[in-house]
Amino acid sequence: MSATAHRGTPSILVMAKEPRPGTVKTRLHPLLGPLRCAELQAGLIRHTLELATVHTPRTYLAYAPADGGDAIGTTTPAGVRLRFQRGEDLGGRLAAAVADAFADGAGPLLVIGTDAPTLTGDHLTAAFAALESHDVVLGPALDGGYYLIGLRAPHTTLFALDADVWSTDRVLTATRRAARREGLSVELLCPLRDLDTPEDATALLVDPALPAPIAALIQPVEGP
């Protein structure tokens, strides 16, 4: 049975880590090094928030770690509602952030990270449109996860996946299976590539959809 749409303010929730060298984009360290990876993370957050704030009345940024609020807040556009991420694992943090946003009057809600630099306003518009007739919308990532999940109501059980599933190529499949168990209708968007590895960087650099500021940040560091 489909759930009733939540009557609130259409919103986007961005999940992000503070751009602290050595803790972000670690799989890109061989290509860029820790400092450039932190610069890249900052650029991805900035790009994602600019995109979100243009395409929705309300934007949330859920950041980690908890002591990163001051640093991340200095580069956050005015009007973005800051929240720190609570929870023992990614599923718990997602569930808490989604519950907080709906309790604050959000809905429908799109949840995105900062790892899909070719995400556009058209994708966000399509996701909101899909939620007019579906309970859940998912944007598949090429690595088997998802770059976007949209919800008409706070279906936090969708994030209650086994700990060994998160950060694997089984996330999308497990989430769709959870939605079926709950009787929720699901719509899929087009797949996009996350920026996690040197191979992703190589593929994205030849993608015309990659924004120029992000392309400049993932050019390989030249040796001495």
C-alpha atoms as a PDB file:
ATOM      1  CA  MET A   1       0.000   0.000   0.000  1.00  0.00           C
ATOM      2  CA  SER A   2       1.351   3.406  -0.940  1.00  0.00           C
ATOM      3  CA  ALA A   3       1.934   5.947   1.796  1.00  0.00           C
ATOM      4  CA  THR A   4       0.180   9.296   1.934  1.00  0.00           C
ATOM      5  CA  ALA A   5       2.372  12.166   0.780  1.00  0.00           C
ATOM      6  CA  HIS A   6       3.848  14.236   3.588  1.00  0.00           C
ATOM      7  CA  ARG A   7       2.547  17.796   3.426  1.00  0.00           C
ATOM      8  CA  GLY A   8       5.518  20.013   4.121  1.00  0.00           C
ATOM      9  CA  THR A   9       8.145  22.116   2.381  1.00  0.00           C
ATOM     10  CA  PRO A  10       9.942  20.429  -0.542  1.00  0.00           C
ATOM     11  CA  SER A  11      13.516  20.093   0.702  1.00  0.00           C
ATOM     12  CA  ILE A  12      16.941  18.678  -0.052  1.00  0.00           C
ATOM     13  CA  LEU A  13      19.160  17.147   2.612  1.00  0.00           C
ATOM     14  CA  VAL A  14      22.880  17.048   1.820  1.00  0.00           C
ATOM     15  CA  MET A  15      25.049  14.590   3.760  1.00  0.00           C
ATOM     16  CA  ALA A  16      28.718  15.609   3.903  1.00  0.00           C
ATOM     17  CA  LYS A  17      31.963  15.202   5.809  1.00  0.00           C
ATOM     18  CA  GLU A  18      33.987  18.231   6.825  1.00  0.00           C
ATOM     19  CA  PRO A  19      36.846  18.737   4.305  1.00  0.00           C
ATOM     20  CA  ARG A  20      39.579  17.749   6.757  1.00  0.00           C
ATOM     21  CA  PRO A  21      42.854  16.510   5.167  1.00  0.00           C
ATOM     22  CA  GLY A  22      43.462  12.819   5.674  1.00  0.00           C
ATOM     23  CA  THR A  23      39.834  11.963   6.445  1.00  0.00           C
ATOM     24  CA  VAL A  24      38.018  12.575   3.154  1.00  0.00           C
ATOM     25  CA  LYS A  25      38.313  11.082  -0.329  1.00  0.00           C
ATOM     26  CA  THR A  26      40.966   8.685   0.948  1.00  0.00           C
ATOM     27  CA  ARG A  27      40.740   6.406  -2.085  1.00  0.00           C
ATOM     28  CA  LEU A  28      41.830   9.372  -4.193  1.00  0.00           C
ATOM     29  CA  HIS A  29      44.960   9.994  -2.115  1.00  0.00           C
ATOM     30  CA  PRO A  30      47.215   8.115  -4.583  1.00  0.00           C
ATOM     31  CA  LEU A  31      46.061  10.489  -7.319  1.00  0.00           C
ATOM     32  CA  LEU A  32      45.706  13.806  -5.500  1.00  0.00           C
ATOM     33  CA  GLY A  33      47.189  13.556  -2.009  1.00  0.00           C
ATOM     34  CA  PRO A  34      45.420  14.423   1.269  1.00  0.00           C
ATOM     35  CA  LEU A  35      45.461  18.226   0.887  1.00  0.00           C
ATOM     36  CA  ARG A  36      44.065  18.210  -2.642  1.00  0.00           C
ATOM     37  CA  CYS A  37      41.436  15.673  -1.573  1.00  0.00           C
ATOM     38  CA  ALA A  38      40.316  18.068   1.164  1.00  0.00           C
ATOM     39  CA  GLU A  39      40.154  20.883  -1.396  1.00  0.00           C
ATOM     40  CA  LEU A  40      38.123  18.606  -3.643  1.00  0.00           C
ATOM     41  CA  GLN A  41      35.726  17.786  -0.804  1.00  0.00           C
ATOM     42  CA  ALA A  42      35.238  21.495  -0.117  1.00  0.00           C
ATOM     43  CA  GLY A  43      34.581  22.103  -3.807  1.00  0.00           C
ATOM     44  CA  LEU A  44      32.066  19.256  -3.972  1.00  0.00           C
ATOM     45  CA  ILE A  45      30.201  20.560  -0.925  1.00  0.00           C
ATOM     46  CA  ARG A  46      30.108  24.072  -2.385  1.00  0.00           C
ATOM     47  CA  HIS A  47      28.905  22.813  -5.773  1.00  0.00           C
ATOM     48  CA  THR A  48      26.235  20.556  -4.261  1.00  0.00           C
ATOM     49  CA  LEU A  49      24.851  23.243  -1.955  1.00  0.00           C
ATOM     50  CA  GLU A  50      24.701  25.787  -4.784  1.00  0.00           C
ATOM     51  CA  LEU A  51      22.779  23.260  -6.872  1.00  0.00           C
ATOM     52  CA  ALA A  52      20.409  22.357  -4.048  1.00  0.00           C
ATOM     53  CA  THR A  53      19.598  25.889  -2.933  1.00  0.00           C
ATOM     54  CA  VAL A  54      18.645  26.916  -6.460  1.00  0.00           C
ATOM     55  CA  HIS A  55      16.252  23.986  -6.925  1.00  0.00           C
ATOM     56  CA  THR A  56      14.367  23.750  -3.639  1.00  0.00           C
ATOM     57  CA  PRO A  57      12.794  26.125  -1.117  1.00  0.00           C
ATOM     58  CA  ARG A  58      14.747  24.565   1.771  1.00  0.00           C
ATOM     59  CA  THR A  59      18.164  22.918   2.055  1.00  0.00           C
ATOM     60  CA  TYR A  60      19.685  21.055   4.992  1.00  0.00           C
ATOM     61  CA  LEU A  61      23.353  20.153   5.431  1.00  0.00           C
ATOM     62  CA  ALA A  62      24.032  17.272   7.810  1.00  0.00           C
ATOM     63  CA  TYR A  63      27.748  17.309   8.565  1.00  0.00           C
ATOM     64  CA  ALA A  64      30.259  15.059  10.270  1.00  0.00           C
ATOM     65  CA  PRO A  65      32.172  14.961  12.549  1.00  0.00           C
ATOM     66  CA  ALA A  66      30.234  16.768  15.271  1.00  0.00           C
ATOM     67  CA  ASP A  67      33.057  19.273  15.865  1.00  0.00           C
ATOM     68  CA  GLY A  68      33.126  20.278  12.195  1.00  0.00           C
ATOM     69  CA  GLY A  69      30.216  22.702  12.336  1.00  0.00           C
ATOM     70  CA  ASP A  70      32.255  25.892  12.663  1.00  0.00           C
ATOM     71  CA  ALA A  71      34.523  25.049   9.751  1.00  0.00           C
ATOM     72  CA  ILE A  72      31.795  23.822   7.430  1.00  0.00           C
ATOM     73  CA  GLY A  73      29.460  26.654   8.362  1.00  0.00           C
ATOM     74  CA  THR A  74      31.841  29.321   7.082  1.00  0.00           C
ATOM     75  CA  THR A  75      31.391  28.116   3.487  1.00  0.00           C
ATOM     76  CA  THR A  76      27.677  27.332   3.686  1.00  0.00           C
ATOM     77  CA  PRO A  77      25.251  29.610   1.771  1.00  0.00           C
ATOM     78  CA  ALA A  78      22.877  31.710   3.835  1.00  0.00           C
ATOM     79  CA  GLY A  79      19.624  29.956   4.642  1.00  0.00           C
ATOM     80  CA  VAL A  80      21.011  26.409   4.665  1.00  0.00           C
ATOM     81  CA  ARG A  81      19.963  24.633   7.868  1.00  0.00           C
ATOM     82  CA  LEU A  82      22.921  22.946   9.532  1.00  0.00           C
ATOM     83  CA  ARG A  83      22.586  19.681  11.439  1.00  0.00           C
ATOM     84  CA  PHE A  84      25.300  17.357  12.735  1.00  0.00           C
ATOM     85  CA  GLN A  85      25.105  13.682  11.853  1.00  0.00           C
ATOM     86  CA  ARG A  86      24.073  11.355  14.680  1.00  0.00           C
ATOM     87  CA  GLY A  87      24.335   7.579  14.600  1.00  0.00           C
ATOM     88  CA  GLU A  88      26.742   4.672  14.822  1.00  0.00           C
ATOM     89  CA  ASP A  89      26.895   3.924  11.092  1.00  0.00           C
ATOM     90  CA  LEU A  90      25.803   5.464   7.786  1.00  0.00           C
ATOM     91  CA  GLY A  91      22.336   3.937   8.021  1.00  0.00           C
ATOM     92  CA  GLY A  92      21.811   5.338  11.491  1.00  0.00           C
ATOM     93  CA  ARG A  93      23.056   8.773  10.466  1.00  0.00           C
ATOM     94  CA  LEU A  94      20.783   8.830   7.434  1.00  0.00           C
ATOM     95  CA  ALA A  95      17.775   7.758   9.463  1.00  0.00           C
ATOM     96  CA  ALA A  96      18.390  10.411  12.117  1.00  0.00           C
ATOM     97  CA  ALA A  97      18.940  13.205   9.585  1.00  0.00           C
ATOM     98  CA  VAL A  98      15.821  12.259   7.614  1.00  0.00           C
ATOM     99  CA  ALA A  99      13.701  12.054  10.772  1.00  0.00           C
ATOM    100  CA  ASP A 100      14.987  15.469  11.883  1.00  0.00           C
ATOM    101  CA  ALA A 101      14.198  17.062   8.509  1.00  0.00           C
ATOM    102  CA  PHE A 102      10.642  15.734   8.405  1.00  0.00           C
ATOM    103  CA  ALA A 103      10.109  16.782  12.038  1.00  0.00           C
ATOM    104  CA  ASP A 104      11.227  20.269  10.982  1.00  0.00           C
ATOM    105  CA  GLY A 105       8.478  20.413   8.341  1.00  0.00           C
ATOM    106  CA  ALA A 106      10.315  19.086   5.287  1.00  0.00           C
ATOM    107  CA  GLY A 107       8.607  16.918   2.731  1.00  0.00           C
ATOM    108  CA  PRO A 108       8.910  15.649   0.127  1.00  0.00           C
ATOM    109  CA  LEU A 109      12.621  15.235   0.821  1.00  0.00           C
ATOM    110  CA  LEU A 110      15.563  14.411  -1.440  1.00  0.00           C
ATOM    111  CA  VAL A 111      18.693  13.099   0.265  1.00  0.00           C
ATOM    112  CA  ILE A 112      21.972  13.439  -1.618  1.00  0.00           C
ATOM    113  CA  GLY A 113      25.671  13.229  -0.911  1.00  0.00           C
ATOM    114  CA  THR A 114      28.434  15.224  -2.545  1.00  0.00           C
ATOM    115  CA  ASP A 115      30.033  12.379  -4.520  1.00  0.00           C
ATOM    116  CA  ALA A 116      28.093  12.692  -7.806  1.00  0.00           C
ATOM    117  CA  PRO A 117      29.460  15.829  -9.505  1.00  0.00           C
ATOM    118  CA  THR A 118      27.412  15.325 -12.699  1.00  0.00           C
ATOM    119  CA  LEU A 119      24.154  15.570 -10.751  1.00  0.00           C
ATOM    120  CA  THR A 120      22.120  18.434 -12.251  1.00  0.00           C
ATOM    121  CA  GLY A 121      18.998  20.404 -11.582  1.00  0.00           C
ATOM    122  CA  ASP A 122      17.199  18.261 -14.151  1.00  0.00           C
ATOM    123  CA  HIS A 123      17.847  15.186 -11.993  1.00  0.00           C
ATOM    124  CA  LEU A 124      16.478  16.963  -8.929  1.00  0.00           C
ATOM    125  CA  THR A 125      13.409  18.134 -10.835  1.00  0.00           C
ATOM    126  CA  ALA A 126      12.817  14.596 -12.108  1.00  0.00           C
ATOM    127  CA  ALA A 127      13.134  13.222  -8.571  1.00  0.00           C
ATOM    128  CA  PHE A 128      10.576  15.625  -7.135  1.00  0.00           C
ATOM    129  CA  ALA A 129       8.252  14.841 -10.059  1.00  0.00           C
ATOM    130  CA  ALA A 130       8.593  11.101  -9.419  1.00  0.00           C
ATOM    131  CA  LEU A 131       7.553  11.599  -5.799  1.00  0.00           C
ATOM    132  CA  GLU A 132       4.200  12.948  -6.944  1.00  0.00           C
ATOM    133  CA  SER A 133       3.209   9.384  -7.822  1.00  0.00           C
ATOM    134  CA  HIS A 134       5.721   7.172  -5.973  1.00  0.00           C
ATOM    135  CA  ASP A 135       6.699   6.744  -2.337  1.00  0.00           C
ATOM    136  CA  VAL A 136      10.433   6.500  -3.014  1.00  0.00           C
ATOM    137  CA  VAL A 137      12.774   7.589  -5.789  1.00  0.00           C
ATOM    138  CA  LEU A 138      16.330   6.275  -6.135  1.00  0.00           C
ATOM    139  CA  GLY A 139      19.215   7.533  -8.228  1.00  0.00           C
ATOM    140  CA  PRO A 140      21.432   4.505  -8.924  1.00  0.00           C
ATOM    141  CA  ALA A 141      25.189   4.975  -8.758  1.00  0.00           C
ATOM    142  CA  LEU A 142      27.323   2.949 -11.136  1.00  0.00           C
ATOM    143  CA  ASP A 143      29.076   1.314  -8.182  1.00  0.00           C
ATOM    144  CA  GLY A 144      25.872  -0.339  -6.926  1.00  0.00           C
ATOM    145  CA  GLY A 145      24.924   2.307  -4.385  1.00  0.00           C
ATOM    146  CA  TYR A 146      22.727   5.337  -4.883  1.00  0.00           C
ATOM    147  CA  TYR A 147      23.502   9.033  -5.265  1.00  0.00           C
ATOM    148  CA  LEU A 148      19.977  10.142  -4.324  1.00  0.00           C
ATOM    149  CA  ILE A 149      17.039   8.833  -2.340  1.00  0.00           C
ATOM    150  CA  GLY A 150      13.787  10.746  -2.295  1.00  0.00           C
ATOM    151  CA  LEU A 151      10.968  10.182   0.186  1.00  0.00           C
ATOM    152  CA  ARG A 152       7.376  11.385   0.476  1.00  0.00           C
ATOM    153  CA  ALA A 153       7.317  10.395   4.159  1.00  0.00           C
ATOM    154  CA  PRO A 154      10.029   9.510   6.719  1.00  0.00           C
ATOM    155  CA  HIS A 155      10.509   5.844   5.809  1.00  0.00           C
ATOM    156  CA  THR A 156      13.623   5.472   7.955  1.00  0.00           C
ATOM    157  CA  THR A 157      13.414   1.664   7.852  1.00  0.00           C
ATOM    158  CA  LEU A 158      14.943   1.904   4.378  1.00  0.00           C
ATOM    159  CA  PHE A 159      18.249   2.774   6.059  1.00  0.00           C
ATOM    160  CA  ALA A 160      18.192  -0.201   8.439  1.00  0.00           C
ATOM    161  CA  LEU A 161      20.498  -2.300   6.283  1.00  0.00           C
ATOM    162  CA  ASP A 162      23.006  -4.784   7.668  1.00  0.00           C
ATOM    163  CA  ALA A 163      26.278  -3.097   8.585  1.00  0.00           C
ATOM    164  CA  ASP A 164      28.187  -5.203   6.062  1.00  0.00           C
ATOM    165  CA  VAL A 165      25.996  -3.929   3.196  1.00  0.00           C
ATOM    166  CA  TRP A 166      26.838  -0.227   3.448  1.00  0.00           C
ATOM    167  CA  SER A 167      29.684   0.906   1.169  1.00  0.00           C
ATOM    168  CA  THR A 168      29.273  -2.175  -1.038  1.00  0.00           C
ATOM    169  CA  ASP A 169      27.732  -2.790  -4.446  1.00  0.00           C
ATOM    170  CA  ARG A 170      24.645  -4.256  -2.712  1.00  0.00           C
ATOM    171  CA  VAL A 171      23.226  -1.023  -1.266  1.00  0.00           C
ATOM    172  CA  LEU A 172      20.800  -0.222  -4.075  1.00  0.00           C
ATOM    173  CA  THR A 173      19.478  -3.779  -4.317  1.00  0.00           C
ATOM    174  CA  ALA A 174      19.069  -4.060  -0.539  1.00  0.00           C
ATOM    175  CA  THR A 175      17.241  -0.713  -0.387  1.00  0.00           C
ATOM    176  CA  ARG A 176      14.824  -1.713  -3.153  1.00  0.00           C
ATOM    177  CA  ARG A 177      14.190  -4.996  -1.354  1.00  0.00           C
ATOM    178  CA  ALA A 178      13.442  -3.100   1.879  1.00  0.00           C
ATOM    179  CA  ALA A 179      11.012  -0.841   0.026  1.00  0.00           C
ATOM    180  CA  ARG A 180       9.168  -3.874  -1.389  1.00  0.00           C
ATOM    181  CA  ARG A 181       8.854  -5.342   2.104  1.00  0.00           C
ATOM    182  CA  GLU A 182       7.249  -2.073   3.249  1.00  0.00           C
ATOM    183  CA  GLY A 183       4.871  -2.027   0.257  1.00  0.00           C
ATOM    184  CA  LEU A 184       6.382   1.205  -1.066  1.00  0.00           C
ATOM    185  CA  SER A 185       6.377   2.137  -4.736  1.00  0.00           C
ATOM    186  CA  VAL A 186       9.811   2.983  -6.161  1.00  0.00           C
ATOM    187  CA  GLU A 187      10.897   4.957  -9.232  1.00  0.00           C
ATOM    188  CA  LEU A 188      14.477   4.923 -10.564  1.00  0.00           C
ATOM    189  CA  LEU A 189      16.354   7.861 -12.067  1.00  0.00           C
ATOM    190  CA  CYS A 190      19.169   7.505 -14.590  1.00  0.00           C
ATOM    191  CA  PRO A 191      22.449   6.136 -13.197  1.00  0.00           C
ATOM    192  CA  LEU A 192      25.396   8.436 -12.456  1.00  0.00           C
ATOM    193  CA  ARG A 193      29.032   7.886 -11.517  1.00  0.00           C
ATOM    194  CA  ASP A 194      30.280   8.674  -8.025  1.00  0.00           C
ATOM    195  CA  LEU A 195      33.709  10.257  -7.636  1.00  0.00           C
ATOM    196  CA  ASP A 196      35.506   7.880  -5.280  1.00  0.00           C
ATOM    197  CA  THR A 197      38.539   6.369  -7.029  1.00  0.00           C
ATOM    198  CA  PRO A 198      41.247   7.344  -9.519  1.00  0.00           C
ATOM    199  CA  GLU A 199      39.336   5.315 -12.121  1.00  0.00           C
ATOM    200  CA  ASP A 200      36.240   7.432 -11.461  1.00  0.00           C
ATOM    201  CA  ALA A 201      38.298  10.603 -11.850  1.00  0.00           C
ATOM    202  CA  THR A 202      39.666   9.419 -15.196  1.00  0.00           C
ATOM    203  CA  ALA A 203      36.184   8.595 -16.490  1.00  0.00           C
ATOM    204  CA  LEU A 204      34.667  11.845 -15.252  1.00  0.00           C
ATOM    205  CA  LEU A 205      37.387  14.034 -16.752  1.00  0.00           C
ATOM    206  CA  VAL A 206      36.167  13.094 -20.232  1.00  0.00           C
ATOM    207  CA  ASP A 207      32.502  13.532 -19.321  1.00  0.00           C
ATOM    208  CA  PRO A 208      31.178  16.835 -20.738  1.00  0.00           C
ATOM    209  CA  ALA A 209      28.688  17.006 -17.862  1.00  0.00           C
ATOM    210  CA  LEU A 210      31.479  17.418 -15.284  1.00  0.00           C
ATOM    211  CA  PRO A 211      31.507  21.015 -13.977  1.00  0.00           C
ATOM    212  CA  ALA A 212      34.728  22.855 -14.823  1.00  0.00           C
ATOM    213  CA  PRO A 213      35.584  23.763 -11.186  1.00  0.00           C
ATOM    214  CA  ILE A 214      35.444  20.081 -10.192  1.00  0.00           C
ATOM    215  CA  ALA A 215      37.444  19.041 -13.258  1.00  0.00           C
ATOM    216  CA  ALA A 216      40.190  21.462 -12.226  1.00  0.00           C
ATOM    217  CA  LEU A 217      40.344  19.872  -8.773  1.00  0.00           C
ATOM    218  CA  ILE A 218      40.752  16.287  -9.990  1.00  0.00           C
ATOM    219  CA  GLN A 219      43.511  16.830 -12.498  1.00  0.00           C
ATOM    220  CA  PRO A 220      46.341  14.483 -11.474  1.00  0.00           C
ATOM    221  CA  VAL A 221      49.135  16.049  -9.442  1.00  0.00           C
ATOM    222  CA  GLU A 222      52.305  16.221 -11.500  1.00  0.00           C
ATOM    223  CA  GLY A 223      55.436  14.754 -10.010  1.00  0.00           C
ATOM    224  CA  PRO A 224      58.593  16.793  -9.355  1.00  0.00           C
END
